[in-house]
Structures are given as C-alpha cells and as structure tokens.
N, C-alpha and C. Protein backbone atom coordinates (compact mmCIF):
# COMPACT_ATOMS: atom_id res chain seq x y z
N UNK A 1 91.47 19.77 86.92
CA UNK A 1 92.54 19.26 86.10
C UNK A 1 92.57 17.73 86.12
N UNK A 2 92.23 17.14 87.26
CA UNK A 2 92.31 15.68 87.35
C UNK A 2 91.43 14.98 86.33
N UNK A 3 90.27 15.54 86.08
CA UNK A 3 89.34 14.89 85.15
C UNK A 3 89.62 15.26 83.70
N UNK A 4 90.48 16.22 83.45
CA UNK A 4 90.75 16.66 82.07
C UNK A 4 91.42 15.58 81.24
N UNK A 5 92.38 14.89 81.80
CA UNK A 5 93.11 13.86 81.04
C UNK A 5 92.18 12.72 80.62
N UNK A 6 91.47 12.06 81.54
CA UNK A 6 90.57 11.00 81.09
C UNK A 6 89.38 11.55 80.29
N UNK A 7 88.97 12.78 80.55
CA UNK A 7 87.88 13.38 79.80
C UNK A 7 88.24 13.57 78.34
N UNK A 8 89.41 14.14 78.09
CA UNK A 8 89.87 14.33 76.71
C UNK A 8 90.08 12.99 76.02
N UNK A 9 90.65 12.03 76.74
CA UNK A 9 90.85 10.68 76.19
C UNK A 9 89.51 10.10 75.74
N UNK A 10 88.51 10.23 76.58
CA UNK A 10 87.18 9.70 76.26
C UNK A 10 86.58 10.37 75.03
N UNK A 11 86.65 11.69 74.98
CA UNK A 11 86.10 12.42 73.84
C UNK A 11 86.81 12.01 72.56
N UNK A 12 88.14 11.90 72.60
CA UNK A 12 88.89 11.49 71.41
C UNK A 12 88.48 10.10 70.94
N UNK A 13 88.27 9.18 71.88
CA UNK A 13 87.86 7.82 71.51
C UNK A 13 86.46 7.81 70.92
N UNK A 14 85.55 8.61 71.49
CA UNK A 14 84.19 8.69 70.95
C UNK A 14 84.19 9.26 69.53
N UNK A 15 84.96 10.32 69.32
CA UNK A 15 85.07 10.91 67.99
C UNK A 15 85.63 9.90 67.00
N UNK A 16 86.55 9.06 67.49
CA UNK A 16 87.16 8.04 66.64
C UNK A 16 86.26 6.84 66.39
N UNK A 17 85.07 6.83 66.98
CA UNK A 17 84.11 5.77 66.72
C UNK A 17 84.05 4.65 67.75
N UNK A 18 84.80 4.78 68.82
CA UNK A 18 84.78 3.74 69.85
C UNK A 18 83.46 3.77 70.61
N UNK A 19 82.91 2.59 70.85
CA UNK A 19 81.73 2.49 71.70
C UNK A 19 81.80 1.16 72.45
N UNK A 20 80.85 0.94 73.32
CA UNK A 20 80.81 -0.27 74.15
C UNK A 20 82.06 -0.45 75.00
N UNK A 21 82.60 0.66 75.49
CA UNK A 21 83.77 0.60 76.36
C UNK A 21 83.66 1.68 77.43
N UNK A 22 84.34 1.44 78.53
CA UNK A 22 84.42 2.43 79.61
C UNK A 22 85.85 2.96 79.63
N UNK A 23 85.99 4.25 79.78
CA UNK A 23 87.32 4.86 79.86
C UNK A 23 87.69 5.04 81.32
N UNK A 24 88.95 4.87 81.61
CA UNK A 24 89.43 5.06 82.97
C UNK A 24 90.94 5.15 82.98
N UNK A 25 91.50 5.14 84.17
CA UNK A 25 92.95 5.19 84.32
C UNK A 25 93.43 3.98 85.09
N UNK A 26 94.49 3.38 84.60
CA UNK A 26 95.19 2.30 85.29
C UNK A 26 96.65 2.65 85.26
N UNK A 27 97.26 2.73 86.45
CA UNK A 27 98.68 3.09 86.57
C UNK A 27 99.00 4.38 85.83
N UNK A 28 98.16 5.39 86.01
CA UNK A 28 98.34 6.71 85.40
C UNK A 28 98.27 6.71 83.89
N UNK A 29 97.72 5.67 83.29
CA UNK A 29 97.53 5.59 81.85
C UNK A 29 96.04 5.51 81.55
N UNK A 30 95.58 6.31 80.58
CA UNK A 30 94.19 6.22 80.16
C UNK A 30 94.01 4.94 79.36
N UNK A 31 92.96 4.21 79.67
CA UNK A 31 92.70 2.93 79.01
C UNK A 31 91.21 2.79 78.74
N UNK A 32 90.89 1.90 77.81
CA UNK A 32 89.51 1.52 77.56
C UNK A 32 89.32 0.10 78.06
N UNK A 33 88.20 -0.13 78.71
CA UNK A 33 87.84 -1.47 79.18
C UNK A 33 86.52 -1.84 78.52
N UNK A 34 86.43 -3.01 77.93
CA UNK A 34 85.16 -3.42 77.34
C UNK A 34 84.03 -3.28 78.36
N UNK A 35 82.89 -2.78 77.90
CA UNK A 35 81.76 -2.51 78.81
C UNK A 35 81.36 -3.75 79.60
N UNK A 36 81.36 -4.90 78.97
CA UNK A 36 80.99 -6.14 79.67
C UNK A 36 81.93 -6.40 80.85
N UNK A 37 83.23 -6.19 80.64
CA UNK A 37 84.19 -6.38 81.74
C UNK A 37 83.97 -5.35 82.84
N UNK A 38 83.72 -4.10 82.45
CA UNK A 38 83.52 -3.04 83.44
C UNK A 38 82.29 -3.31 84.31
N UNK A 39 81.28 -3.91 83.73
CA UNK A 39 80.03 -4.14 84.46
C UNK A 39 80.06 -5.44 85.26
N UNK A 40 80.58 -6.51 84.67
CA UNK A 40 80.40 -7.83 85.27
C UNK A 40 81.63 -8.42 85.95
N UNK A 41 82.82 -7.96 85.65
CA UNK A 41 84.00 -8.53 86.30
C UNK A 41 84.14 -8.00 87.72
N UNK A 42 84.55 -8.87 88.63
CA UNK A 42 84.80 -8.46 90.01
C UNK A 42 86.08 -7.64 90.05
N UNK A 43 86.04 -6.54 90.79
CA UNK A 43 87.18 -5.66 90.90
C UNK A 43 87.51 -5.44 92.37
N UNK A 44 88.77 -5.27 92.67
CA UNK A 44 89.14 -4.95 94.05
C UNK A 44 89.03 -3.44 94.24
N UNK A 45 88.78 -3.04 95.45
CA UNK A 45 88.64 -1.62 95.78
C UNK A 45 89.88 -1.18 96.54
N UNK A 46 90.46 -0.10 96.09
CA UNK A 46 91.62 0.48 96.77
C UNK A 46 91.14 1.03 98.11
N UNK A 47 91.65 0.50 99.23
CA UNK A 47 91.18 0.95 100.55
C UNK A 47 91.36 2.46 100.77
N UNK A 48 92.44 3.02 100.24
CA UNK A 48 92.66 4.45 100.39
C UNK A 48 91.58 5.25 99.67
N UNK A 49 91.24 4.83 98.44
CA UNK A 49 90.22 5.54 97.68
C UNK A 49 88.84 5.38 98.32
N UNK A 50 88.59 4.24 98.95
CA UNK A 50 87.34 4.05 99.68
C UNK A 50 87.27 5.03 100.85
N UNK A 51 88.38 5.21 101.55
CA UNK A 51 88.42 6.16 102.66
C UNK A 51 88.17 7.58 102.15
N UNK A 52 88.78 7.93 101.01
CA UNK A 52 88.57 9.26 100.43
C UNK A 52 87.08 9.45 100.11
N UNK A 53 86.46 8.45 99.49
CA UNK A 53 85.04 8.55 99.15
C UNK A 53 84.17 8.72 100.40
N UNK A 54 84.51 7.99 101.45
CA UNK A 54 83.74 8.09 102.70
C UNK A 54 83.87 9.48 103.30
N UNK A 55 85.07 10.05 103.28
CA UNK A 55 85.28 11.39 103.83
C UNK A 55 84.55 12.43 103.01
N UNK A 56 84.63 12.32 101.69
CA UNK A 56 83.97 13.30 100.83
C UNK A 56 82.45 13.21 100.88
N UNK A 57 81.93 12.07 101.31
CA UNK A 57 80.49 11.88 101.36
C UNK A 57 79.86 12.49 102.62
N UNK A 58 80.69 12.95 103.53
CA UNK A 58 80.17 13.52 104.79
C UNK A 58 79.49 14.84 104.52
C-alpha cells in the first residue's frame, strides 16, 4: 500500500505527458522534482530512514 500512492501519481503524470522529472513524497504529498535537481542537488538524509535501510539490508 505504501508504494501505491506515489506509484499512481507517477503513472498519472506519465500519461499526462510529464517527463524529465522524478516523483516522490515530501511531507506526505506526492510531488515532481526536475530530474536535474534530483540528480545533482545535495540532499540531507533522514537519520531514521538511514537506520531503516541499514536494518533491512541485513
């Protein structure tokens, strides 16, 4: 279920002709980020989510 919301958002944007953007969630809202920003801008990492990723990678 967690991936359904951003997944549907992404499909709807693709059908609508959007390209060169990355879909994601910010503050529980689905958003598009220009691909250049998603690739090249420095982003902070949520320490809690990093811990979750480390645990799931075991």
